[in-house]
Amino acid sequence: MIDIVLATSNKGKVKEFNEMANKHGINFVSIKMPDVDENGSTFEENSLIKAKEALKVSNGLAVVSDDSGLCIDCLDGKPGIHTARFRNDLLTYEERGKALIELVNEKNTTRDAKFVCVITLIKPDGTYYHFSGETKGQITRECMGKNGHGYDPIFFSSDLHMTFGLASLQEKDRVSHRKRAFDKLIKWLTENELY
């Protein structure tokens, strides 16, 4: 089993990654993440910033980090890298979702959107690789479903023909942006030497 640090303090995320990785001989371990100022202008930059900070406390292990967000065509790709902080940190995701629906409604044009995820692998020597995934869909006119988290109830998946908020976890994971990026990471790890 190969150990890799996952740049998060979120034990749930570590468990989720391990459910997908353990069968490939990969084990993600958590660390106490230092505070990170995600001041990059792209998903790649923010993911790399997190990976580099985690590498400093990884005890010689490789590190995997990720950054993701929702990009809406008629809003010029926004909220994008600011997805988690869109509008106000004090608003709930439901309130943020409704605010996005209103903005898209005001544009009265395409509702096309995509979720994007970039996973960064950084080796102990500082060499790094990016793996990206996306899933396409549209922004709904109202919140639909209670499953998932974040903006799932307002994102109508082109693959599933329902919102992520209505989809089961298994259905969503099959087509999600994170899973698509993760599959590319696993492929690289099974074909290349990490240590």
N, C-alpha and C. Protein backbone atom coordinates (compact mmCIF):
# COMPACT_ATOMS: atom_id res chain seq x y z
N MET A 1 0.86 -1.19 0.00
CA MET A 1 0.00 0.00 0.00
C MET A 1 0.90 1.24 0.00
N ILE A 2 0.62 2.16 -0.90
CA ILE A 2 1.37 3.41 -0.99
C ILE A 2 0.63 4.48 -0.19
N ASP A 3 1.33 5.14 0.74
CA ASP A 3 0.73 6.24 1.50
C ASP A 3 0.97 7.57 0.81
N ILE A 4 -0.09 8.37 0.73
CA ILE A 4 -0.03 9.72 0.17
C ILE A 4 -0.82 10.62 1.10
N VAL A 5 -0.29 11.80 1.38
CA VAL A 5 -1.01 12.77 2.21
C VAL A 5 -2.10 13.43 1.36
N LEU A 6 -3.30 13.52 1.92
CA LEU A 6 -4.37 14.27 1.28
C LEU A 6 -4.44 15.63 1.98
N ALA A 7 -4.28 16.69 1.23
CA ALA A 7 -4.18 18.04 1.80
C ALA A 7 -5.55 18.53 2.26
N THR A 8 -6.00 17.96 3.36
CA THR A 8 -7.26 18.37 3.97
C THR A 8 -7.26 17.91 5.42
N SER A 9 -7.98 18.63 6.25
CA SER A 9 -8.21 18.20 7.62
C SER A 9 -9.56 17.51 7.73
N ASN A 10 -10.28 17.43 6.61
CA ASN A 10 -11.62 16.86 6.56
C ASN A 10 -11.53 15.33 6.48
N LYS A 11 -11.82 14.67 7.59
CA LYS A 11 -11.72 13.20 7.66
C LYS A 11 -12.72 12.53 6.70
N GLY A 12 -13.86 13.18 6.46
CA GLY A 12 -14.85 12.65 5.52
C GLY A 12 -14.31 12.59 4.11
N LYS A 13 -13.55 13.63 3.71
CA LYS A 13 -12.96 13.65 2.38
C LYS A 13 -11.89 12.57 2.26
N VAL A 14 -11.10 12.37 3.33
CA VAL A 14 -10.08 11.32 3.32
C VAL A 14 -10.75 9.96 3.15
N LYS A 15 -11.84 9.74 3.87
CA LYS A 15 -12.57 8.46 3.77
C LYS A 15 -13.10 8.27 2.34
N GLU A 16 -13.67 9.33 1.77
CA GLU A 16 -14.22 9.26 0.40
C GLU A 16 -13.12 8.91 -0.60
N PHE A 17 -11.97 9.56 -0.49
CA PHE A 17 -10.85 9.28 -1.40
C PHE A 17 -10.37 7.84 -1.22
N ASN A 18 -10.28 7.38 0.05
CA ASN A 18 -9.79 6.02 0.29
C ASN A 18 -10.74 4.96 -0.23
N GLU A 19 -12.03 5.23 -0.22
CA GLU A 19 -13.00 4.27 -0.76
C GLU A 19 -12.73 4.02 -2.24
N MET A 20 -12.25 5.04 -2.93
CA MET A 20 -11.94 4.90 -4.35
C MET A 20 -10.52 4.39 -4.58
N ALA A 21 -9.60 4.65 -3.64
CA ALA A 21 -8.17 4.40 -3.89
C ALA A 21 -7.64 3.09 -3.33
N ASN A 22 -8.18 2.63 -2.21
CA ASN A 22 -7.61 1.46 -1.54
C ASN A 22 -7.52 0.24 -2.44
N LYS A 23 -8.51 0.05 -3.31
CA LYS A 23 -8.50 -1.12 -4.20
C LYS A 23 -7.35 -1.06 -5.21
N HIS A 24 -6.72 0.12 -5.32
CA HIS A 24 -5.58 0.28 -6.23
C HIS A 24 -4.26 0.27 -5.47
N GLY A 25 -4.31 -0.06 -4.17
CA GLY A 25 -3.09 -0.11 -3.37
C GLY A 25 -2.62 1.26 -2.91
N ILE A 26 -3.53 2.21 -2.86
CA ILE A 26 -3.20 3.58 -2.45
C ILE A 26 -3.98 3.93 -1.20
N ASN A 27 -3.29 4.50 -0.21
CA ASN A 27 -3.92 4.89 1.05
C ASN A 27 -3.65 6.37 1.29
N PHE A 28 -4.71 7.15 1.43
CA PHE A 28 -4.57 8.57 1.74
C PHE A 28 -4.60 8.76 3.24
N VAL A 29 -3.69 9.58 3.73
CA VAL A 29 -3.63 9.90 5.16
C VAL A 29 -3.89 11.39 5.33
N SER A 30 -4.49 11.74 6.46
CA SER A 30 -4.80 13.14 6.71
C SER A 30 -3.70 13.77 7.56
N ILE A 31 -3.65 15.07 7.49
CA ILE A 31 -2.72 15.84 8.31
C ILE A 31 -3.48 17.04 8.86
N LYS A 32 -2.90 17.70 9.83
CA LYS A 32 -3.46 18.97 10.28
C LYS A 32 -2.97 20.01 9.27
N MET A 33 -3.88 20.47 8.45
CA MET A 33 -3.51 21.40 7.37
C MET A 33 -3.20 22.78 7.94
N PRO A 34 -2.10 23.37 7.50
CA PRO A 34 -1.84 24.77 7.87
C PRO A 34 -2.86 25.67 7.18
N ASP A 35 -3.05 26.87 7.72
CA ASP A 35 -3.92 27.83 7.05
C ASP A 35 -3.31 28.19 5.70
N VAL A 36 -4.14 28.17 4.68
CA VAL A 36 -3.65 28.41 3.32
C VAL A 36 -4.44 29.56 2.71
N ASP A 37 -3.73 30.54 2.17
CA ASP A 37 -4.36 31.65 1.46
C ASP A 37 -4.45 31.27 -0.01
N GLU A 38 -5.65 30.84 -0.43
CA GLU A 38 -5.86 30.43 -1.82
C GLU A 38 -6.02 31.69 -2.67
N ASN A 39 -4.90 32.28 -3.04
CA ASN A 39 -4.94 33.54 -3.77
C ASN A 39 -4.59 33.39 -5.25
N GLY A 40 -4.66 32.17 -5.75
CA GLY A 40 -4.41 31.93 -7.17
C GLY A 40 -5.56 32.43 -8.02
N SER A 41 -5.32 32.49 -9.33
CA SER A 41 -6.37 32.97 -10.24
C SER A 41 -7.00 31.83 -11.04
N THR A 42 -6.54 30.58 -10.80
CA THR A 42 -7.10 29.42 -11.48
C THR A 42 -7.25 28.27 -10.48
N PHE A 43 -8.02 27.27 -10.86
CA PHE A 43 -8.14 26.07 -10.02
C PHE A 43 -6.77 25.41 -9.86
N GLU A 44 -5.99 25.38 -10.94
CA GLU A 44 -4.66 24.77 -10.90
C GLU A 44 -3.77 25.48 -9.88
N GLU A 45 -3.78 26.80 -9.92
CA GLU A 45 -2.93 27.56 -8.99
C GLU A 45 -3.34 27.33 -7.54
N ASN A 46 -4.63 27.36 -7.26
CA ASN A 46 -5.09 27.16 -5.88
C ASN A 46 -4.81 25.75 -5.39
N SER A 47 -4.98 24.76 -6.24
CA SER A 47 -4.69 23.39 -5.86
C SER A 47 -3.20 23.22 -5.57
N LEU A 48 -2.36 23.85 -6.38
CA LEU A 48 -0.91 23.77 -6.19
C LEU A 48 -0.49 24.49 -4.91
N ILE A 49 -1.10 25.63 -4.62
CA ILE A 49 -0.80 26.35 -3.37
C ILE A 49 -1.05 25.44 -2.17
N LYS A 50 -2.20 24.77 -2.16
CA LYS A 50 -2.53 23.84 -1.06
C LYS A 50 -1.53 22.70 -0.99
N ALA A 51 -1.18 22.14 -2.15
CA ALA A 51 -0.26 21.00 -2.18
C ALA A 51 1.11 21.39 -1.64
N LYS A 52 1.61 22.55 -2.04
CA LYS A 52 2.93 23.00 -1.58
C LYS A 52 2.95 23.23 -0.07
N GLU A 53 1.88 23.80 0.46
CA GLU A 53 1.81 24.02 1.91
C GLU A 53 1.76 22.70 2.66
N ALA A 54 0.98 21.76 2.16
CA ALA A 54 0.88 20.45 2.81
C ALA A 54 2.19 19.69 2.72
N LEU A 55 2.92 19.87 1.62
CA LEU A 55 4.20 19.17 1.44
C LEU A 55 5.18 19.53 2.55
N LYS A 56 5.09 20.77 3.06
CA LYS A 56 5.99 21.22 4.12
C LYS A 56 5.82 20.42 5.41
N VAL A 57 4.64 19.82 5.61
CA VAL A 57 4.37 19.07 6.85
C VAL A 57 4.01 17.61 6.56
N SER A 58 4.44 17.10 5.41
CA SER A 58 4.04 15.75 4.99
C SER A 58 5.00 14.65 5.40
N ASN A 59 6.07 14.99 6.11
CA ASN A 59 7.05 13.98 6.56
C ASN A 59 7.59 13.14 5.41
N GLY A 60 7.88 13.77 4.30
CA GLY A 60 8.50 13.07 3.18
C GLY A 60 7.57 12.30 2.28
N LEU A 61 6.27 12.39 2.53
CA LEU A 61 5.29 11.71 1.66
C LEU A 61 4.85 12.65 0.54
N ALA A 62 4.42 12.06 -0.56
CA ALA A 62 3.79 12.83 -1.64
C ALA A 62 2.46 13.38 -1.13
N VAL A 63 1.96 14.40 -1.79
CA VAL A 63 0.73 15.07 -1.38
C VAL A 63 -0.22 15.17 -2.56
N VAL A 64 -1.51 14.99 -2.27
CA VAL A 64 -2.57 15.24 -3.25
C VAL A 64 -3.48 16.32 -2.68
N SER A 65 -3.82 17.30 -3.50
CA SER A 65 -4.76 18.35 -3.11
C SER A 65 -5.75 18.54 -4.25
N ASP A 66 -6.83 19.26 -3.97
CA ASP A 66 -7.77 19.54 -5.05
C ASP A 66 -8.40 20.91 -4.86
N ASP A 67 -8.89 21.44 -5.94
CA ASP A 67 -9.69 22.65 -5.92
C ASP A 67 -10.78 22.47 -6.97
N SER A 68 -11.96 22.93 -6.64
CA SER A 68 -13.06 22.73 -7.57
C SER A 68 -14.04 23.88 -7.47
N GLY A 69 -14.93 23.96 -8.45
CA GLY A 69 -15.93 25.00 -8.43
C GLY A 69 -16.92 24.87 -9.57
N LEU A 70 -17.90 25.75 -9.52
CA LEU A 70 -18.97 25.81 -10.51
C LEU A 70 -18.72 26.99 -11.44
N CYS A 71 -18.71 26.73 -12.73
CA CYS A 71 -18.47 27.77 -13.74
C CYS A 71 -19.71 27.89 -14.62
N ILE A 72 -20.29 29.09 -14.67
CA ILE A 72 -21.53 29.32 -15.41
C ILE A 72 -21.23 30.20 -16.63
N ASP A 73 -21.58 29.70 -17.80
CA ASP A 73 -21.24 30.38 -19.06
C ASP A 73 -21.72 31.83 -19.11
N CYS A 74 -23.00 32.07 -18.80
CA CYS A 74 -23.54 33.43 -18.95
C CYS A 74 -23.01 34.39 -17.89
N LEU A 75 -22.29 33.87 -16.90
CA LEU A 75 -21.66 34.72 -15.88
C LEU A 75 -20.15 34.77 -16.09
N ASP A 76 -19.74 34.51 -17.33
CA ASP A 76 -18.31 34.53 -17.68
C ASP A 76 -17.48 33.60 -16.81
N GLY A 77 -18.04 32.43 -16.52
CA GLY A 77 -17.30 31.43 -15.76
C GLY A 77 -17.37 31.58 -14.25
N LYS A 78 -18.09 32.57 -13.79
CA LYS A 78 -18.23 32.76 -12.35
C LYS A 78 -19.29 31.81 -11.80
N PRO A 79 -19.26 31.48 -10.54
CA PRO A 79 -18.35 31.92 -9.50
C PRO A 79 -16.94 31.32 -9.58
N GLY A 80 -16.74 30.25 -10.34
CA GLY A 80 -15.40 29.72 -10.59
C GLY A 80 -14.60 29.43 -9.33
N ILE A 81 -13.39 30.01 -9.25
CA ILE A 81 -12.52 29.74 -8.10
C ILE A 81 -13.09 30.32 -6.81
N HIS A 82 -14.11 31.17 -6.91
CA HIS A 82 -14.73 31.77 -5.73
C HIS A 82 -16.02 31.06 -5.33
N THR A 83 -16.24 29.87 -5.85
CA THR A 83 -17.50 29.15 -5.63
C THR A 83 -17.83 29.01 -4.14
N ALA A 84 -16.86 28.60 -3.34
CA ALA A 84 -17.12 28.36 -1.91
C ALA A 84 -17.40 29.66 -1.16
N ARG A 85 -16.92 30.77 -1.69
CA ARG A 85 -17.08 32.06 -1.01
C ARG A 85 -18.01 33.00 -1.76
N PHE A 86 -18.78 32.47 -2.70
CA PHE A 86 -19.65 33.30 -3.53
C PHE A 86 -20.62 34.11 -2.68
N ARG A 87 -20.68 35.37 -2.93
CA ARG A 87 -21.58 36.33 -2.31
C ARG A 87 -21.21 36.67 -0.87
N ASN A 88 -21.10 35.65 -0.01
CA ASN A 88 -20.88 35.96 1.41
C ASN A 88 -20.66 34.66 2.16
N ASP A 89 -19.64 34.63 2.98
CA ASP A 89 -19.36 33.43 3.77
C ASP A 89 -20.48 33.11 4.76
N LEU A 90 -21.32 34.10 5.08
CA LEU A 90 -22.38 33.88 6.07
C LEU A 90 -23.64 33.28 5.46
N LEU A 91 -23.75 33.29 4.14
CA LEU A 91 -24.92 32.72 3.49
C LEU A 91 -24.82 31.19 3.46
N THR A 92 -25.96 30.54 3.53
CA THR A 92 -25.97 29.08 3.37
C THR A 92 -25.82 28.78 1.88
N TYR A 93 -25.49 27.52 1.57
CA TYR A 93 -25.40 27.15 0.15
C TYR A 93 -26.75 27.27 -0.53
N GLU A 94 -27.83 27.03 0.19
CA GLU A 94 -29.16 27.18 -0.41
C GLU A 94 -29.38 28.63 -0.81
N GLU A 95 -28.99 29.57 0.07
CA GLU A 95 -29.15 30.99 -0.25
C GLU A 95 -28.24 31.39 -1.42
N ARG A 96 -27.03 30.86 -1.44
CA ARG A 96 -26.11 31.16 -2.54
C ARG A 96 -26.65 30.59 -3.85
N GLY A 97 -27.22 29.39 -3.78
CA GLY A 97 -27.81 28.76 -4.96
C GLY A 97 -28.94 29.60 -5.53
N LYS A 98 -29.81 30.08 -4.65
CA LYS A 98 -30.92 30.92 -5.10
C LYS A 98 -30.40 32.23 -5.71
N ALA A 99 -29.34 32.78 -5.13
CA ALA A 99 -28.75 34.01 -5.69
C ALA A 99 -28.19 33.75 -7.08
N LEU A 100 -27.56 32.60 -7.28
CA LEU A 100 -27.04 32.26 -8.62
C LEU A 100 -28.18 32.09 -9.61
N ILE A 101 -29.25 31.42 -9.20
CA ILE A 101 -30.41 31.26 -10.08
C ILE A 101 -30.92 32.63 -10.52
N GLU A 102 -31.03 33.58 -9.58
CA GLU A 102 -31.50 34.93 -9.91
C GLU A 102 -30.57 35.60 -10.92
N LEU A 103 -29.27 35.48 -10.72
CA LEU A 103 -28.31 36.09 -11.66
C LEU A 103 -28.44 35.49 -13.05
N VAL A 104 -28.59 34.18 -13.12
CA VAL A 104 -28.75 33.51 -14.42
C VAL A 104 -30.07 33.92 -15.06
N ASN A 105 -31.14 34.00 -14.26
CA ASN A 105 -32.44 34.43 -14.79
C ASN A 105 -32.36 35.84 -15.38
N GLU A 106 -31.61 36.73 -14.73
CA GLU A 106 -31.46 38.11 -15.21
C GLU A 106 -30.79 38.16 -16.59
N LYS A 107 -29.89 37.24 -16.84
CA LYS A 107 -29.18 37.21 -18.13
C LYS A 107 -30.10 36.77 -19.27
N ASN A 108 -31.12 35.97 -18.94
CA ASN A 108 -32.11 35.52 -19.92
C ASN A 108 -31.43 34.94 -21.17
N THR A 109 -30.44 34.09 -20.94
CA THR A 109 -29.70 33.48 -22.04
C THR A 109 -29.37 32.04 -21.65
N THR A 110 -28.32 31.50 -22.18
CA THR A 110 -27.95 30.12 -21.89
C THR A 110 -27.79 29.87 -20.39
N ARG A 111 -28.16 28.69 -19.96
CA ARG A 111 -28.02 28.29 -18.56
C ARG A 111 -26.89 27.28 -18.40
N ASP A 112 -26.08 27.12 -19.46
CA ASP A 112 -25.01 26.12 -19.46
C ASP A 112 -24.01 26.40 -18.34
N ALA A 113 -23.56 25.31 -17.73
CA ALA A 113 -22.62 25.41 -16.62
C ALA A 113 -21.80 24.12 -16.56
N LYS A 114 -20.75 24.17 -15.76
CA LYS A 114 -19.97 22.95 -15.54
C LYS A 114 -19.33 23.02 -14.16
N PHE A 115 -19.20 21.86 -13.54
CA PHE A 115 -18.39 21.73 -12.35
C PHE A 115 -17.00 21.32 -12.81
N VAL A 116 -15.98 21.94 -12.24
CA VAL A 116 -14.59 21.66 -12.59
C VAL A 116 -13.84 21.24 -11.33
N CYS A 117 -12.97 20.26 -11.47
CA CYS A 117 -12.09 19.85 -10.37
C CYS A 117 -10.68 19.68 -10.92
N VAL A 118 -9.72 20.22 -10.19
CA VAL A 118 -8.31 20.00 -10.50
C VAL A 118 -7.67 19.35 -9.29
N ILE A 119 -7.08 18.19 -9.50
CA ILE A 119 -6.34 17.49 -8.46
C ILE A 119 -4.86 17.65 -8.77
N THR A 120 -4.10 18.02 -7.76
CA THR A 120 -2.65 18.17 -7.91
C THR A 120 -1.94 17.10 -7.09
N LEU A 121 -0.99 16.44 -7.72
CA LEU A 121 -0.09 15.50 -7.04
C LEU A 121 1.28 16.16 -7.01
N ILE A 122 1.85 16.29 -5.82
CA ILE A 122 3.20 16.83 -5.71
C ILE A 122 4.09 15.80 -5.01
N LYS A 123 5.17 15.47 -5.67
CA LYS A 123 6.10 14.48 -5.15
C LYS A 123 7.01 15.14 -4.10
N PRO A 124 7.66 14.33 -3.26
CA PRO A 124 8.54 14.90 -2.23
C PRO A 124 9.63 15.83 -2.79
N ASP A 125 10.03 15.62 -4.04
CA ASP A 125 11.07 16.47 -4.63
C ASP A 125 10.51 17.77 -5.22
N GLY A 126 9.19 17.98 -5.11
CA GLY A 126 8.56 19.20 -5.59
C GLY A 126 7.99 19.11 -7.00
N THR A 127 8.26 18.01 -7.70
CA THR A 127 7.68 17.81 -9.03
C THR A 127 6.16 17.65 -8.87
N TYR A 128 5.39 18.31 -9.72
CA TYR A 128 3.94 18.20 -9.57
C TYR A 128 3.25 17.95 -10.90
N TYR A 129 2.03 17.41 -10.78
CA TYR A 129 1.19 17.07 -11.92
C TYR A 129 -0.24 17.48 -11.60
N HIS A 130 -0.95 17.97 -12.61
CA HIS A 130 -2.37 18.33 -12.46
C HIS A 130 -3.23 17.33 -13.23
N PHE A 131 -4.37 16.99 -12.64
CA PHE A 131 -5.35 16.11 -13.29
C PHE A 131 -6.70 16.81 -13.18
N SER A 132 -7.36 17.04 -14.31
CA SER A 132 -8.61 17.79 -14.27
C SER A 132 -9.78 16.95 -14.75
N GLY A 133 -10.93 17.31 -14.23
CA GLY A 133 -12.17 16.66 -14.64
C GLY A 133 -13.29 17.69 -14.62
N GLU A 134 -14.27 17.48 -15.47
CA GLU A 134 -15.43 18.37 -15.45
C GLU A 134 -16.68 17.59 -15.80
N THR A 135 -17.80 18.14 -15.39
CA THR A 135 -19.09 17.57 -15.75
C THR A 135 -19.99 18.72 -16.17
N LYS A 136 -20.69 18.55 -17.27
CA LYS A 136 -21.48 19.63 -17.85
C LYS A 136 -22.96 19.50 -17.47
N GLY A 137 -23.62 20.65 -17.49
CA GLY A 137 -25.04 20.69 -17.19
C GLY A 137 -25.59 22.08 -17.38
N GLN A 138 -26.70 22.35 -16.70
CA GLN A 138 -27.36 23.65 -16.75
C GLN A 138 -27.79 24.03 -15.34
N ILE A 139 -27.96 25.34 -15.15
CA ILE A 139 -28.48 25.85 -13.89
C ILE A 139 -30.01 25.81 -13.97
N THR A 140 -30.63 25.24 -12.96
CA THR A 140 -32.09 25.11 -12.94
C THR A 140 -32.74 26.46 -12.59
N ARG A 141 -34.06 26.50 -12.69
CA ARG A 141 -34.80 27.71 -12.34
C ARG A 141 -35.22 27.70 -10.87
N GLU A 142 -35.04 26.55 -10.22
CA GLU A 142 -35.33 26.44 -8.79
C GLU A 142 -34.50 25.30 -8.20
N CYS A 143 -34.34 25.31 -6.89
CA CYS A 143 -33.61 24.24 -6.21
C CYS A 143 -34.42 22.95 -6.33
N MET A 144 -33.73 21.85 -6.65
CA MET A 144 -34.41 20.57 -6.83
C MET A 144 -33.60 19.46 -6.16
N GLY A 145 -34.14 18.93 -5.06
CA GLY A 145 -33.50 17.82 -4.37
C GLY A 145 -32.72 18.26 -3.15
N LYS A 146 -32.50 17.30 -2.26
CA LYS A 146 -31.80 17.57 -1.00
C LYS A 146 -30.53 16.75 -0.87
N ASN A 147 -30.23 15.92 -1.87
CA ASN A 147 -29.03 15.08 -1.78
C ASN A 147 -27.79 15.91 -2.08
N GLY A 148 -26.65 15.34 -1.76
CA GLY A 148 -25.38 16.00 -2.06
C GLY A 148 -25.15 17.17 -1.14
N HIS A 149 -24.45 18.16 -1.66
CA HIS A 149 -24.12 19.34 -0.87
C HIS A 149 -23.85 20.51 -1.81
N GLY A 150 -23.63 21.66 -1.22
CA GLY A 150 -23.28 22.83 -2.02
C GLY A 150 -24.34 23.19 -3.05
N TYR A 151 -23.92 23.29 -4.29
CA TYR A 151 -24.80 23.73 -5.38
C TYR A 151 -25.48 22.57 -6.10
N ASP A 152 -25.40 21.38 -5.56
CA ASP A 152 -26.00 20.20 -6.22
C ASP A 152 -27.47 20.39 -6.59
N PRO A 153 -28.31 21.03 -5.74
CA PRO A 153 -29.73 21.17 -6.09
C PRO A 153 -30.03 22.10 -7.26
N ILE A 154 -29.05 22.93 -7.69
CA ILE A 154 -29.32 23.84 -8.81
C ILE A 154 -28.58 23.42 -10.08
N PHE A 155 -27.85 22.30 -10.02
CA PHE A 155 -27.07 21.85 -11.18
C PHE A 155 -27.74 20.64 -11.80
N PHE A 156 -28.29 20.83 -13.02
CA PHE A 156 -28.94 19.75 -13.77
C PHE A 156 -27.88 19.08 -14.63
N SER A 157 -27.56 17.84 -14.29
CA SER A 157 -26.50 17.10 -14.98
C SER A 157 -26.94 16.65 -16.36
N SER A 158 -26.15 16.97 -17.38
CA SER A 158 -26.43 16.50 -18.74
C SER A 158 -26.30 14.98 -18.83
N ASP A 159 -25.43 14.39 -18.02
CA ASP A 159 -25.24 12.93 -18.03
C ASP A 159 -26.39 12.19 -17.35
N LEU A 160 -26.86 12.73 -16.23
CA LEU A 160 -27.87 12.02 -15.43
C LEU A 160 -29.30 12.43 -15.76
N HIS A 161 -29.48 13.57 -16.41
CA HIS A 161 -30.80 14.11 -16.72
C HIS A 161 -31.62 14.36 -15.46
N MET A 162 -30.94 14.83 -14.43
CA MET A 162 -31.55 15.26 -13.17
C MET A 162 -30.52 16.11 -12.45
N THR A 163 -30.97 16.83 -11.42
CA THR A 163 -30.00 17.61 -10.65
C THR A 163 -29.17 16.67 -9.79
N PHE A 164 -27.98 17.13 -9.44
CA PHE A 164 -27.17 16.37 -8.50
C PHE A 164 -27.89 16.27 -7.15
N GLY A 165 -28.76 17.23 -6.86
CA GLY A 165 -29.54 17.21 -5.63
C GLY A 165 -30.57 16.10 -5.60
N LEU A 166 -30.99 15.61 -6.76
CA LEU A 166 -31.93 14.49 -6.84
C LEU A 166 -31.22 13.15 -7.01
N ALA A 167 -29.98 13.18 -7.43
CA ALA A 167 -29.22 11.96 -7.72
C ALA A 167 -28.74 11.31 -6.42
N SER A 168 -28.62 9.99 -6.47
CA SER A 168 -28.01 9.29 -5.34
C SER A 168 -26.50 9.57 -5.36
N LEU A 169 -25.85 9.31 -4.26
CA LEU A 169 -24.40 9.51 -4.18
C LEU A 169 -23.69 8.67 -5.23
N GLN A 170 -24.16 7.44 -5.43
CA GLN A 170 -23.54 6.55 -6.42
C GLN A 170 -23.72 7.08 -7.84
N GLU A 171 -24.91 7.60 -8.15
CA GLU A 171 -25.15 8.17 -9.48
C GLU A 171 -24.25 9.39 -9.71
N LYS A 172 -24.20 10.27 -8.73
CA LYS A 172 -23.39 11.48 -8.86
C LYS A 172 -21.91 11.12 -9.00
N ASP A 173 -21.43 10.21 -8.15
CA ASP A 173 -20.01 9.85 -8.19
C ASP A 173 -19.59 9.27 -9.53
N ARG A 174 -20.51 8.62 -10.21
CA ARG A 174 -20.20 8.01 -11.50
C ARG A 174 -19.84 9.05 -12.56
N VAL A 175 -20.40 10.26 -12.45
CA VAL A 175 -20.21 11.28 -13.49
C VAL A 175 -19.59 12.58 -12.97
N SER A 176 -19.23 12.61 -11.70
CA SER A 176 -18.78 13.87 -11.10
C SER A 176 -17.43 14.32 -11.62
N HIS A 177 -17.21 15.60 -11.55
CA HIS A 177 -15.95 16.23 -11.94
C HIS A 177 -14.80 15.69 -11.09
N ARG A 178 -15.04 15.51 -9.80
CA ARG A 178 -13.99 15.02 -8.91
C ARG A 178 -13.61 13.58 -9.27
N LYS A 179 -14.60 12.75 -9.56
CA LYS A 179 -14.32 11.35 -9.94
C LYS A 179 -13.54 11.29 -11.24
N ARG A 180 -13.88 12.14 -12.19
CA ARG A 180 -13.17 12.14 -13.48
C ARG A 180 -11.71 12.57 -13.31
N ALA A 181 -11.46 13.56 -12.47
CA ALA A 181 -10.08 13.96 -12.19
C ALA A 181 -9.36 12.88 -11.40
N PHE A 182 -10.06 12.29 -10.43
CA PHE A 182 -9.48 11.24 -9.59
C PHE A 182 -9.08 10.03 -10.42
N ASP A 183 -9.91 9.65 -11.38
CA ASP A 183 -9.58 8.51 -12.24
C ASP A 183 -8.28 8.75 -13.01
N LYS A 184 -8.06 9.99 -13.44
CA LYS A 184 -6.81 10.33 -14.14
C LYS A 184 -5.61 10.23 -13.19
N LEU A 185 -5.80 10.67 -11.95
CA LEU A 185 -4.74 10.55 -10.94
C LEU A 185 -4.40 9.09 -10.69
N ILE A 186 -5.41 8.25 -10.49
CA ILE A 186 -5.19 6.83 -10.22
C ILE A 186 -4.47 6.18 -11.40
N LYS A 187 -4.87 6.52 -12.62
CA LYS A 187 -4.20 5.97 -13.81
C LYS A 187 -2.72 6.33 -13.79
N TRP A 188 -2.41 7.59 -13.48
CA TRP A 188 -1.00 8.01 -13.42
C TRP A 188 -0.25 7.24 -12.34
N LEU A 189 -0.87 7.12 -11.15
CA LEU A 189 -0.21 6.45 -10.03
C LEU A 189 0.05 4.97 -10.31
N THR A 190 -0.83 4.33 -11.07
CA THR A 190 -0.64 2.90 -11.37
C THR A 190 0.35 2.67 -12.50
N GLU A 191 0.66 3.73 -13.26
CA GLU A 191 1.58 3.59 -14.40
C GLU A 191 2.96 4.20 -14.16
N ASN A 192 3.14 4.91 -13.04
CA ASN A 192 4.39 5.63 -12.80
C ASN A 192 4.92 5.37 -11.39
N GLU A 193 6.21 5.61 -11.21
CA GLU A 193 6.85 5.49 -9.90
C GLU A 193 6.62 6.78 -9.12
N LEU A 194 6.14 6.65 -7.90
CA LEU A 194 5.90 7.82 -7.07
C LEU A 194 7.10 8.12 -6.19
N TYR A 195 7.65 7.07 -5.59
CA TYR A 195 8.78 7.25 -4.66
C TYR A 195 10.02 6.57 -5.21
